[in-house]
Amino acid sequence: MRTTTNATGEAGIATRARALGGALVAAVLGGVLGGGLLASPQAMAAGAFEFMPAPQTDLNRLYRIDRVTGAVSSCQYALKEGTVGVTLCFGPGEGAEAQEPGEYGLVASNHEREGGVFRVDYRTGEMSVCYVFEEKVVCTPPETVSPIAAAEGAGTPDTTGATR
């Protein structure tokens, strides 16, 4: 029976095992991440949302979209007497809730008086217009130009959505 311990030998083995295990995990994750199959929580959180200010130059509104679900919300600064102010947020309403999973983003028009933004699905080409209406963010139904309409040339554009 061994009563003495070679501290440096066992510690060295343990240290090398941890390093090898860490390197193995890094290599496996690196290969998997390179294939787009797995991402760290920090990496996933960093790209989970996209933000876009409203193009309207006198409006301090910022839109947020979940890049996978397409859910849109918005916040802006508001004055409140006796305080430094508050962040006033509008949750997703009609049409702004989660959509089919996709690759969504926000695009602002170049119109200086436009208070809304476009929600786009980069995979399908569908677009919606999203804006704040009655304390909620609402979006028009998603639309895209059909291949038949594109082949026929420019015609009268379809009108989508409804104001209620």
Protein backbone atom coordinates (compact mmCIF):
# COMPACT_ATOMS: atom_id res chain seq x y z
CA MET A 1 0.00 0.00 0.00
CA ARG A 2 1.28 3.40 -0.96
CA THR A 3 1.17 5.97 1.83
CA THR A 4 2.99 8.85 0.20
CA THR A 5 1.60 10.85 -2.65
CA ASN A 6 3.51 12.33 -5.51
CA ALA A 7 1.62 15.63 -5.46
CA THR A 8 3.27 17.07 -8.51
CA GLY A 9 2.80 13.87 -10.49
CA GLU A 10 -0.91 13.46 -9.70
CA ALA A 11 -1.57 17.19 -9.95
CA GLY A 12 0.24 17.24 -13.28
CA ILE A 13 -1.84 14.34 -14.57
CA ALA A 14 -5.05 16.02 -13.39
CA THR A 15 -4.03 19.32 -14.98
CA ARG A 16 -3.15 17.63 -18.29
CA ALA A 17 -6.45 15.70 -18.21
CA ARG A 18 -8.42 18.89 -17.68
CA ALA A 19 -6.50 20.63 -20.45
CA LEU A 20 -7.00 17.69 -22.80
CA GLY A 21 -10.68 17.53 -21.92
CA GLY A 22 -11.04 21.27 -22.49
CA ALA A 23 -9.18 21.03 -25.80
CA LEU A 24 -11.34 18.08 -26.85
CA VAL A 25 -14.54 19.95 -25.98
CA ALA A 26 -13.26 23.05 -27.81
CA ALA A 27 -12.37 20.99 -30.89
CA VAL A 28 -15.72 19.23 -30.95
CA LEU A 29 -17.66 22.45 -30.38
CA GLY A 30 -15.49 24.25 -32.92
CA GLY A 31 -16.33 21.62 -35.52
CA VAL A 32 -20.01 21.63 -34.63
CA LEU A 33 -20.15 25.41 -34.49
CA GLY A 34 -18.45 25.62 -37.84
CA GLY A 35 -21.30 23.51 -39.21
CA GLY A 36 -23.87 25.77 -37.56
CA LEU A 37 -25.34 23.03 -35.37
CA LEU A 38 -24.62 24.38 -31.90
CA ALA A 39 -23.82 27.76 -30.41
CA SER A 40 -22.93 28.97 -26.95
CA PRO A 41 -25.64 30.75 -24.96
CA GLN A 42 -23.66 33.99 -25.27
CA ALA A 43 -23.40 33.64 -29.06
CA MET A 44 -27.08 32.79 -29.39
CA ALA A 45 -28.11 35.71 -27.16
CA ALA A 46 -25.85 38.12 -29.04
CA GLY A 47 -27.66 37.49 -32.30
CA ALA A 48 -31.17 36.74 -31.05
CA PHE A 49 -32.54 40.25 -31.63
CA GLU A 50 -32.11 43.06 -34.12
CA PHE A 51 -32.89 46.71 -33.39
CA MET A 52 -33.87 49.52 -35.77
CA PRO A 53 -34.88 53.12 -35.07
CA ALA A 54 -37.98 54.50 -36.73
CA PRO A 55 -36.97 56.70 -39.68
CA GLN A 56 -39.14 59.60 -38.43
CA THR A 57 -36.59 62.22 -37.39
CA ASP A 58 -38.62 63.65 -34.49
CA LEU A 59 -39.56 60.28 -32.96
CA ASN A 60 -37.33 58.53 -30.43
CA ARG A 61 -38.76 55.07 -31.10
CA LEU A 62 -36.69 51.90 -31.43
CA TYR A 63 -38.09 48.65 -32.83
CA ARG A 64 -36.90 45.18 -31.77
CA ILE A 65 -37.38 41.93 -33.68
CA ASP A 66 -36.75 38.35 -32.66
CA ARG A 67 -34.63 37.19 -35.61
CA VAL A 68 -36.05 33.64 -35.53
CA THR A 69 -39.75 34.18 -34.75
CA GLY A 70 -40.26 37.62 -36.29
CA ALA A 71 -42.07 38.97 -33.20
CA VAL A 72 -41.81 42.77 -33.17
CA SER A 73 -42.00 45.17 -30.22
CA SER A 74 -41.03 48.79 -29.71
CA CYS A 75 -39.85 51.15 -26.97
CA GLN A 76 -39.37 54.88 -26.67
CA TYR A 77 -38.42 57.45 -24.08
CA ALA A 78 -41.25 59.34 -22.38
CA LEU A 79 -41.24 62.25 -19.96
CA LYS A 80 -42.65 61.71 -16.49
CA GLU A 81 -42.90 64.65 -14.12
CA GLY A 82 -40.59 64.47 -11.11
CA THR A 83 -38.39 61.74 -12.65
CA VAL A 84 -35.66 61.37 -15.24
CA GLY A 85 -38.30 59.84 -17.52
CA VAL A 86 -39.44 56.33 -18.35
CA THR A 87 -39.01 53.76 -21.06
CA LEU A 88 -42.42 53.26 -22.64
CA CYS A 89 -42.70 49.92 -24.46
CA PHE A 90 -45.31 48.50 -26.82
CA GLY A 91 -45.68 44.72 -27.08
CA PRO A 92 -46.59 42.75 -30.19
CA GLY A 93 -50.20 43.11 -31.29
CA GLU A 94 -52.07 41.95 -34.40
CA GLY A 95 -49.65 40.55 -36.98
CA ALA A 96 -46.57 41.40 -34.88
CA GLU A 97 -46.63 38.19 -32.85
CA ALA A 98 -44.32 35.25 -33.55
CA GLN A 99 -44.46 33.98 -37.13
CA GLU A 100 -43.27 30.73 -38.67
CA PRO A 101 -39.57 30.30 -37.85
CA GLY A 102 -37.43 32.11 -40.37
CA GLU A 103 -34.59 34.58 -40.71
CA TYR A 104 -36.23 37.91 -39.90
CA GLY A 105 -34.86 41.42 -39.83
CA LEU A 106 -35.94 45.05 -39.78
CA VAL A 107 -35.44 47.58 -42.55
CA ALA A 108 -36.22 51.26 -42.25
CA SER A 109 -37.42 53.25 -45.21
CA ASN A 110 -35.61 56.42 -46.15
CA HIS A 111 -38.74 58.49 -45.49
CA GLU A 112 -38.04 61.00 -42.73
CA ARG A 113 -41.68 61.11 -41.55
CA GLU A 114 -42.25 57.32 -41.42
CA GLY A 115 -42.92 56.03 -37.89
CA GLY A 116 -42.87 52.34 -38.85
CA VAL A 117 -40.38 49.84 -40.20
CA PHE A 118 -40.47 46.87 -42.55
CA ARG A 119 -40.22 43.34 -41.15
CA VAL A 120 -38.51 41.17 -43.76
CA ASP A 121 -37.98 37.42 -43.93
CA TYR A 122 -34.64 37.01 -45.68
CA ARG A 123 -35.43 33.37 -46.58
CA THR A 124 -38.79 33.91 -48.29
CA GLY A 125 -38.61 37.58 -49.31
CA GLU A 126 -41.87 38.34 -47.50
CA MET A 127 -42.34 41.84 -46.11
CA SER A 128 -44.71 43.49 -43.65
CA VAL A 129 -44.99 47.05 -42.45
CA CYS A 130 -44.96 47.34 -38.65
CA TYR A 131 -45.91 50.38 -36.59
CA VAL A 132 -47.37 51.36 -33.22
CA PHE A 133 -51.17 51.49 -33.19
CA GLU A 134 -53.29 51.82 -30.03
CA GLU A 135 -50.43 50.99 -27.63
CA LYS A 136 -49.34 47.82 -29.52
CA VAL A 137 -47.03 47.11 -32.43
CA VAL A 138 -49.08 45.85 -35.38
CA CYS A 139 -47.87 44.51 -38.72
CA THR A 140 -49.61 44.14 -42.05
CA PRO A 141 -49.94 40.57 -43.38
CA PRO A 142 -46.68 39.33 -44.93
CA GLU A 143 -46.55 39.72 -48.69
CA THR A 144 -44.10 38.97 -51.45
CA VAL A 145 -44.20 39.48 -55.20
CA SER A 146 -45.30 36.25 -56.83
CA PRO A 147 -43.22 34.91 -59.74
CA ILE A 148 -46.27 35.27 -62.03
CA ALA A 149 -46.75 38.95 -61.12
CA ALA A 150 -43.04 39.60 -61.57
CA ALA A 151 -43.11 37.94 -65.03
CA GLU A 152 -46.14 40.02 -66.10
CA GLY A 153 -44.31 43.25 -65.32
CA ALA A 154 -45.30 46.19 -63.24
CA GLY A 155 -49.01 46.49 -62.70
CA THR A 156 -51.26 47.82 -60.03
CA PRO A 157 -49.78 46.89 -56.65
CA ASP A 158 -51.90 44.79 -54.33
CA THR A 159 -53.07 46.38 -51.11
CA THR A 160 -52.58 44.29 -47.99
CA GLY A 161 -53.64 44.63 -44.39
CA ALA A 162 -56.55 46.44 -42.88
CA THR A 163 -57.00 49.31 -40.50
CA ARG A 164 -59.38 48.55 -37.68
